Amino acid sequence: MKYALLILATLALSGCAVVYDYAQEVAQSQCASSNSNPQDRRACEKRDAPAYDDYEARRKRLKEGQPG
């Protein structure tokens, strides 16, 4: 998860969709491979699921000072 957060931080600075998509895949893989119960895995997947377009739209709103 720390690796995915590092990738996301890099993405926030670069705005690169390819890097973001890769980080999402890594995060989803980690959720799927966890030994937790199915409910925890679904929560993990949902938390790490935003698409790049959603991320970019939210980033732009925040940059403009509008609420998320």
PDB file of N, CA and C in Angstrom:
ATOM      1  N   MET A   1       0.819  -1.187   0.000  1.00  0.00           N
ATOM      2  CA  MET A   1       0.000   0.000   0.000  1.00  0.00           C
ATOM      3  C   MET A   1       0.867   1.256   0.000  1.00  0.00           C
ATOM      4  N   LYS A   2       1.990   1.205   0.724  1.00  0.00           N
ATOM      5  CA  LYS A   2       2.879   2.365   0.751  1.00  0.00           C
ATOM      6  C   LYS A   2       3.422   2.638  -0.651  1.00  0.00           C
ATOM      7  N   TYR A   3       3.699   1.573  -1.387  1.00  0.00           N
ATOM      8  CA  TYR A   3       4.185   1.717  -2.756  1.00  0.00           C
ATOM      9  C   TYR A   3       3.135   2.405  -3.618  1.00  0.00           C
ATOM     10  N   ALA A   4       1.895   2.006  -3.463  1.00  0.00           N
ATOM     11  CA  ALA A   4       0.809   2.615  -4.235  1.00  0.00           C
ATOM     12  C   ALA A   4       0.653   4.084  -3.866  1.00  0.00           C
ATOM     13  N   LEU A   5       0.793   4.422  -2.604  1.00  0.00           N
ATOM     14  CA  LEU A   5       0.686   5.816  -2.179  1.00  0.00           C
ATOM     15  C   LEU A   5       1.823   6.650  -2.753  1.00  0.00           C
ATOM     16  N   LEU A   6       3.013   6.062  -2.825  1.00  0.00           N
ATOM     17  CA  LEU A   6       4.138   6.768  -3.430  1.00  0.00           C
ATOM     18  C   LEU A   6       3.865   7.033  -4.906  1.00  0.00           C
ATOM     19  N   ILE A   7       3.321   6.041  -5.588  1.00  0.00           N
ATOM     20  CA  ILE A   7       2.970   6.209  -7.002  1.00  0.00           C
ATOM     21  C   ILE A   7       1.908   7.293  -7.137  1.00  0.00           C
ATOM     22  N   LEU A   8       0.898   7.284  -6.273  1.00  0.00           N
ATOM     23  CA  LEU A   8      -0.156   8.289  -6.344  1.00  0.00           C
ATOM     24  C   LEU A   8       0.388   9.688  -6.067  1.00  0.00           C
ATOM     25  N   ALA A   9       1.346   9.793  -5.153  1.00  0.00           N
ATOM     26  CA  ALA A   9       1.956  11.095  -4.881  1.00  0.00           C
ATOM     27  C   ALA A   9       2.712  11.579  -6.111  1.00  0.00           C
ATOM     28  N   THR A  10       3.413  10.666  -6.765  1.00  0.00           N
ATOM     29  CA  THR A  10       4.111  11.015  -8.005  1.00  0.00           C
ATOM     30  C   THR A  10       3.109  11.447  -9.055  1.00  0.00           C
ATOM     31  N   LEU A  11       2.021  10.749  -9.135  1.00  0.00           N
ATOM     32  CA  LEU A  11       0.967  11.085 -10.092  1.00  0.00           C
ATOM     33  C   LEU A  11       0.396  12.471  -9.825  1.00  0.00           C
ATOM     34  N   ALA A  12       0.195  12.787  -8.571  1.00  0.00           N
ATOM     35  CA  ALA A  12      -0.365  14.094  -8.233  1.00  0.00           C
ATOM     36  C   ALA A  12       0.524  15.217  -8.752  1.00  0.00           C
ATOM     37  N   LEU A  13       1.807  14.953  -8.785  1.00  0.00           N
ATOM     38  CA  LEU A  13       2.735  15.962  -9.287  1.00  0.00           C
ATOM     39  C   LEU A  13       2.848  15.940 -10.806  1.00  0.00           C
ATOM     40  N   SER A  14       2.665  14.766 -11.414  1.00  0.00           N
ATOM     41  CA  SER A  14       2.883  14.658 -12.858  1.00  0.00           C
ATOM     42  C   SER A  14       1.600  14.649 -13.672  1.00  0.00           C
ATOM     43  N   GLY A  15       0.494  14.187 -13.096  1.00  0.00           N
ATOM     44  CA  GLY A  15      -0.761  14.124 -13.832  1.00  0.00           C
ATOM     45  C   GLY A  15      -0.773  13.050 -14.908  1.00  0.00           C
ATOM     46  N   CYS A  16      -0.037  12.007 -14.755  1.00  0.00           N
ATOM     47  CA  CYS A  16       0.102  10.979 -15.785  1.00  0.00           C
ATOM     48  C   CYS A  16      -0.903   9.848 -15.575  1.00  0.00           C
ATOM     49  N   ALA A  17      -1.792   9.665 -16.525  1.00  0.00           N
ATOM     50  CA  ALA A  17      -2.835   8.642 -16.420  1.00  0.00           C
ATOM     51  C   ALA A  17      -2.255   7.235 -16.406  1.00  0.00           C
ATOM     52  N   VAL A  18      -1.190   7.003 -17.132  1.00  0.00           N
ATOM     53  CA  VAL A  18      -0.595   5.667 -17.184  1.00  0.00           C
ATOM     54  C   VAL A  18      -0.072   5.262 -15.814  1.00  0.00           C
ATOM     55  N   VAL A  19       0.614   6.161 -15.162  1.00  0.00           N
ATOM     56  CA  VAL A  19       1.139   5.885 -13.820  1.00  0.00           C
ATOM     57  C   VAL A  19      -0.012   5.665 -12.853  1.00  0.00           C
ATOM     58  N   TYR A  20      -1.044   6.482 -12.958  1.00  0.00           N
ATOM     59  CA  TYR A  20      -2.200   6.345 -12.074  1.00  0.00           C
ATOM     60  C   TYR A  20      -2.859   4.976 -12.267  1.00  0.00           C
ATOM     61  N   ASP A  21      -3.083   4.597 -13.520  1.00  0.00           N
ATOM     62  CA  ASP A  21      -3.706   3.309 -13.800  1.00  0.00           C
ATOM     63  C   ASP A  21      -2.867   2.161 -13.253  1.00  0.00           C
ATOM     64  N   TYR A  22      -1.562   2.252 -13.405  1.00  0.00           N
ATOM     65  CA  TYR A  22      -0.681   1.216 -12.876  1.00  0.00           C
ATOM     66  C   TYR A  22      -0.792   1.135 -11.356  1.00  0.00           C
ATOM     67  N   ALA A  23      -0.780   2.284 -10.699  1.00  0.00           N
ATOM     68  CA  ALA A  23      -0.901   2.297  -9.236  1.00  0.00           C
ATOM     69  C   ALA A  23      -2.237   1.697  -8.803  1.00  0.00           C
ATOM     70  N   GLN A  24      -3.294   1.975  -9.558  1.00  0.00           N
ATOM     71  CA  GLN A  24      -4.605   1.401  -9.248  1.00  0.00           C
ATOM     72  C   GLN A  24      -4.566  -0.120  -9.371  1.00  0.00           C
ATOM     73  N   GLU A  25      -3.924  -0.628 -10.411  1.00  0.00           N
ATOM     74  CA  GLU A  25      -3.820  -2.075 -10.589  1.00  0.00           C
ATOM     75  C   GLU A  25      -3.059  -2.714  -9.441  1.00  0.00           C
ATOM     76  N   VAL A  26      -1.974  -2.075  -9.014  1.00  0.00           N
ATOM     77  CA  VAL A  26      -1.192  -2.593  -7.888  1.00  0.00           C
ATOM     78  C   VAL A  26      -2.046  -2.617  -6.625  1.00  0.00           C
ATOM     79  N   ALA A  27      -2.754  -1.535  -6.376  1.00  0.00           N
ATOM     80  CA  ALA A  27      -3.596  -1.456  -5.182  1.00  0.00           C
ATOM     81  C   ALA A  27      -4.697  -2.515  -5.222  1.00  0.00           C
ATOM     82  N   GLN A  28      -5.326  -2.705  -6.381  1.00  0.00           N
ATOM     83  CA  GLN A  28      -6.376  -3.708  -6.509  1.00  0.00           C
ATOM     84  C   GLN A  28      -5.811  -5.114  -6.305  1.00  0.00           C
ATOM     85  N   SER A  29      -4.605  -5.359  -6.806  1.00  0.00           N
ATOM     86  CA  SER A  29      -3.962  -6.661  -6.612  1.00  0.00           C
ATOM     87  C   SER A  29      -3.706  -6.924  -5.141  1.00  0.00           C
ATOM     88  N   GLN A  30      -3.271  -5.896  -4.438  1.00  0.00           N
ATOM     89  CA  GLN A  30      -3.016  -6.057  -3.011  1.00  0.00           C
ATOM     90  C   GLN A  30      -4.311  -6.339  -2.255  1.00  0.00           C
ATOM     91  N   CYS A  31      -5.390  -5.705  -2.665  1.00  0.00           N
ATOM     92  CA  CYS A  31      -6.685  -5.974  -2.027  1.00  0.00           C
ATOM     93  C   CYS A  31      -7.105  -7.421  -2.279  1.00  0.00           C
ATOM     94  N   ALA A  32      -6.944  -7.871  -3.504  1.00  0.00           N
ATOM     95  CA  ALA A  32      -7.367  -9.218  -3.875  1.00  0.00           C
ATOM     96  C   ALA A  32      -6.526 -10.283  -3.185  1.00  0.00           C
ATOM     97  N   SER A  33      -5.256 -10.004  -2.952  1.00  0.00           N
ATOM     98  CA  SER A  33      -4.378 -11.010  -2.364  1.00  0.00           C
ATOM     99  C   SER A  33      -4.385 -10.999  -0.841  1.00  0.00           C
ATOM    100  N   SER A  34      -5.074 -10.038  -0.241  1.00  0.00           N
ATOM    101  CA  SER A  34      -5.106  -9.995   1.220  1.00  0.00           C
ATOM    102  C   SER A  34      -5.912 -11.176   1.750  1.00  0.00           C
ATOM    103  N   ASN A  35      -5.565 -11.609   2.927  1.00  0.00           N
ATOM    104  CA  ASN A  35      -6.217 -12.766   3.537  1.00  0.00           C
ATOM    105  C   ASN A  35      -7.380 -12.365   4.427  1.00  0.00           C
ATOM    106  N   SER A  36      -7.859 -11.143   4.274  1.00  0.00           N
ATOM    107  CA  SER A  36      -8.957 -10.677   5.105  1.00  0.00           C
ATOM    108  C   SER A  36     -10.285 -11.240   4.599  1.00  0.00           C
ATOM    109  N   ASN A  37     -11.331 -10.925   5.318  1.00  0.00           N
ATOM    110  CA  ASN A  37     -12.648 -11.426   4.931  1.00  0.00           C
ATOM    111  C   ASN A  37     -13.148 -10.693   3.677  1.00  0.00           C
ATOM    112  N   PRO A  38     -14.146 -11.246   2.996  1.00  0.00           N
ATOM    113  CA  PRO A  38     -14.644 -10.638   1.747  1.00  0.00           C
ATOM    114  C   PRO A  38     -15.124  -9.202   1.905  1.00  0.00           C
ATOM    115  N   GLN A  39     -15.722  -8.879   3.033  1.00  0.00           N
ATOM    116  CA  GLN A  39     -16.207  -7.513   3.255  1.00  0.00           C
ATOM    117  C   GLN A  39     -15.031  -6.531   3.304  1.00  0.00           C
ATOM    118  N   ASP A  40     -13.951  -6.912   3.978  1.00  0.00           N
ATOM    119  CA  ASP A  40     -12.763  -6.052   4.034  1.00  0.00           C
ATOM    120  C   ASP A  40     -12.135  -5.882   2.656  1.00  0.00           C
ATOM    121  N   ARG A  41     -12.099  -6.965   1.863  1.00  0.00           N
ATOM    122  CA  ARG A  41     -11.545  -6.871   0.507  1.00  0.00           C
ATOM    123  C   ARG A  41     -12.364  -5.932  -0.352  1.00  0.00           C
ATOM    124  N   ARG A  42     -13.699  -6.010  -0.253  1.00  0.00           N
ATOM    125  CA  ARG A  42     -14.560  -5.106  -1.029  1.00  0.00           C
ATOM    126  C   ARG A  42     -14.345  -3.652  -0.612  1.00  0.00           C
ATOM    127  N   ALA A  43     -14.204  -3.419   0.687  1.00  0.00           N
ATOM    128  CA  ALA A  43     -13.953  -2.054   1.175  1.00  0.00           C
ATOM    129  C   ALA A  43     -12.611  -1.541   0.650  1.00  0.00           C
ATOM    130  N   CYS A  44     -11.616  -2.407   0.637  1.00  0.00           N
ATOM    131  CA  CYS A  44     -10.298  -2.041   0.110  1.00  0.00           C
ATOM    132  C   CYS A  44     -10.401  -1.707  -1.374  1.00  0.00           C
ATOM    133  N   GLU A  45     -11.089  -2.547  -2.130  1.00  0.00           N
ATOM    134  CA  GLU A  45     -11.241  -2.323  -3.571  1.00  0.00           C
ATOM    135  C   GLU A  45     -11.998  -1.029  -3.850  1.00  0.00           C
ATOM    136  N   LYS A  46     -13.024  -0.764  -3.072  1.00  0.00           N
ATOM    137  CA  LYS A  46     -13.808   0.458  -3.274  1.00  0.00           C
ATOM    138  C   LYS A  46     -12.970   1.694  -2.947  1.00  0.00           C
ATOM    139  N   ARG A  47     -12.206   1.614  -1.885  1.00  0.00           N
ATOM    140  CA  ARG A  47     -11.367   2.741  -1.470  1.00  0.00           C
ATOM    141  C   ARG A  47     -10.326   3.069  -2.537  1.00  0.00           C
ATOM    142  N   ASP A  48      -9.783   2.060  -3.186  1.00  0.00           N
ATOM    143  CA  ASP A  48      -8.717   2.258  -4.166  1.00  0.00           C
ATOM    144  C   ASP A  48      -9.218   2.293  -5.605  1.00  0.00           C
ATOM    145  N   ALA A  49     -10.520   2.487  -5.817  1.00  0.00           N
ATOM    146  CA  ALA A  49     -11.095   2.313  -7.141  1.00  0.00           C
ATOM    147  C   ALA A  49     -11.272   3.538  -8.032  1.00  0.00           C
ATOM    148  N   PRO A  50     -11.080   4.760  -7.593  1.00  0.00           N
ATOM    149  CA  PRO A  50     -11.416   5.883  -8.476  1.00  0.00           C
ATOM    150  C   PRO A  50     -10.672   5.826  -9.804  1.00  0.00           C
ATOM    151  N   ALA A  51     -11.384   6.045 -10.887  1.00  0.00           N
ATOM    152  CA  ALA A  51     -10.782   6.086 -12.212  1.00  0.00           C
ATOM    153  C   ALA A  51      -9.989   7.371 -12.365  1.00  0.00           C
ATOM    154  N   TYR A  52      -9.076   7.380 -13.303  1.00  0.00           N
ATOM    155  CA  TYR A  52      -8.237   8.560 -13.509  1.00  0.00           C
ATOM    156  C   TYR A  52      -9.072   9.794 -13.813  1.00  0.00           C
ATOM    157  N   ASP A  53     -10.105   9.651 -14.631  1.00  0.00           N
ATOM    158  CA  ASP A  53     -10.946  10.807 -14.970  1.00  0.00           C
ATOM    159  C   ASP A  53     -11.602  11.398 -13.734  1.00  0.00           C
ATOM    160  N   ASP A  54     -12.063  10.536 -12.824  1.00  0.00           N
ATOM    161  CA  ASP A  54     -12.653  11.009 -11.572  1.00  0.00           C
ATOM    162  C   ASP A  54     -11.606  11.719 -10.717  1.00  0.00           C
ATOM    163  N   TYR A  55     -10.429  11.110 -10.655  1.00  0.00           N
ATOM    164  CA  TYR A  55      -9.339  11.703  -9.900  1.00  0.00           C
ATOM    165  C   TYR A  55      -8.991  13.091 -10.457  1.00  0.00           C
ATOM    166  N   GLU A  56      -8.854  13.171 -11.778  1.00  0.00           N
ATOM    167  CA  GLU A  56      -8.469  14.425 -12.414  1.00  0.00           C
ATOM    168  C   GLU A  56      -9.527  15.511 -12.198  1.00  0.00           C
ATOM    169  N   ALA A  57     -10.798  15.151 -12.312  1.00  0.00           N
ATOM    170  CA  ALA A  57     -11.873  16.124 -12.097  1.00  0.00           C
ATOM    171  C   ALA A  57     -11.848  16.633 -10.653  1.00  0.00           C
ATOM    172  N   ARG A  58     -11.647  15.736  -9.707  1.00  0.00           N
ATOM    173  CA  ARG A  58     -11.588  16.139  -8.299  1.00  0.00           C
ATOM    174  C   ARG A  58     -10.367  17.021  -8.051  1.00  0.00           C
ATOM    175  N   ARG A  59      -9.236  16.655  -8.636  1.00  0.00           N
ATOM    176  CA  ARG A  59      -8.011  17.438  -8.477  1.00  0.00           C
ATOM    177  C   ARG A  59      -8.210  18.861  -9.002  1.00  0.00           C
ATOM    178  N   LYS A  60      -8.862  18.988 -10.150  1.00  0.00           N
ATOM    179  CA  LYS A  60      -9.104  20.312 -10.725  1.00  0.00           C
ATOM    180  C   LYS A  60     -10.034  21.136  -9.838  1.00  0.00           C
ATOM    181  N   ARG A  61     -11.079  20.496  -9.301  1.00  0.00           N
ATOM    182  CA  ARG A  61     -12.010  21.209  -8.415  1.00  0.00           C
ATOM    183  C   ARG A  61     -11.273  21.716  -7.171  1.00  0.00           C
ATOM    184  N   LEU A  62     -10.444  20.866  -6.601  1.00  0.00           N
ATOM    185  CA  LEU A  62      -9.698  21.257  -5.403  1.00  0.00           C
ATOM    186  C   LEU A  62      -8.709  22.374  -5.723  1.00  0.00           C
ATOM    187  N   LYS A  63      -8.087  22.283  -6.874  1.00  0.00           N
ATOM    188  CA  LYS A  63      -7.136  23.316  -7.294  1.00  0.00           C
ATOM    189  C   LYS A  63      -7.814  24.666  -7.453  1.00  0.00           C
ATOM    190  N   GLU A  64      -9.070  24.642  -7.916  1.00  0.00           N
ATOM    191  CA  GLU A  64      -9.845  25.866  -8.097  1.00  0.00           C
ATOM    192  C   GLU A  64     -10.502  26.335  -6.804  1.00  0.00           C
ATOM    193  N   GLY A  65     -10.322  25.580  -5.726  1.00  0.00           N
ATOM    194  CA  GLY A  65     -10.877  25.972  -4.436  1.00  0.00           C
ATOM    195  C   GLY A  65     -12.303  25.547  -4.197  1.00  0.00           C
ATOM    196  N   GLN A  66     -12.825  24.667  -5.045  1.00  0.00           N
ATOM    197  CA  GLN A  66     -14.185  24.171  -4.872  1.00  0.00           C
ATOM    198  C   GLN A  66     -14.142  22.907  -4.037  1.00  0.00           C
ATOM    199  N   PRO A  67     -15.199  22.642  -3.267  1.00  0.00           N
ATOM    200  CA  PRO A  67     -15.229  21.415  -2.457  1.00  0.00           C
ATOM    201  C   PRO A  67     -15.280  20.175  -3.336  1.00  0.00           C
ATOM    202  N   GLY A  68     -14.707  19.054  -2.797  1.00  0.00           N
ATOM    203  CA  GLY A  68     -14.623  17.771  -3.485  1.00  0.00           C
ATOM    204  C   GLY A  68     -15.854  17.310  -4.069  1.00  0.00           C
TER     205      GLY A  68
END
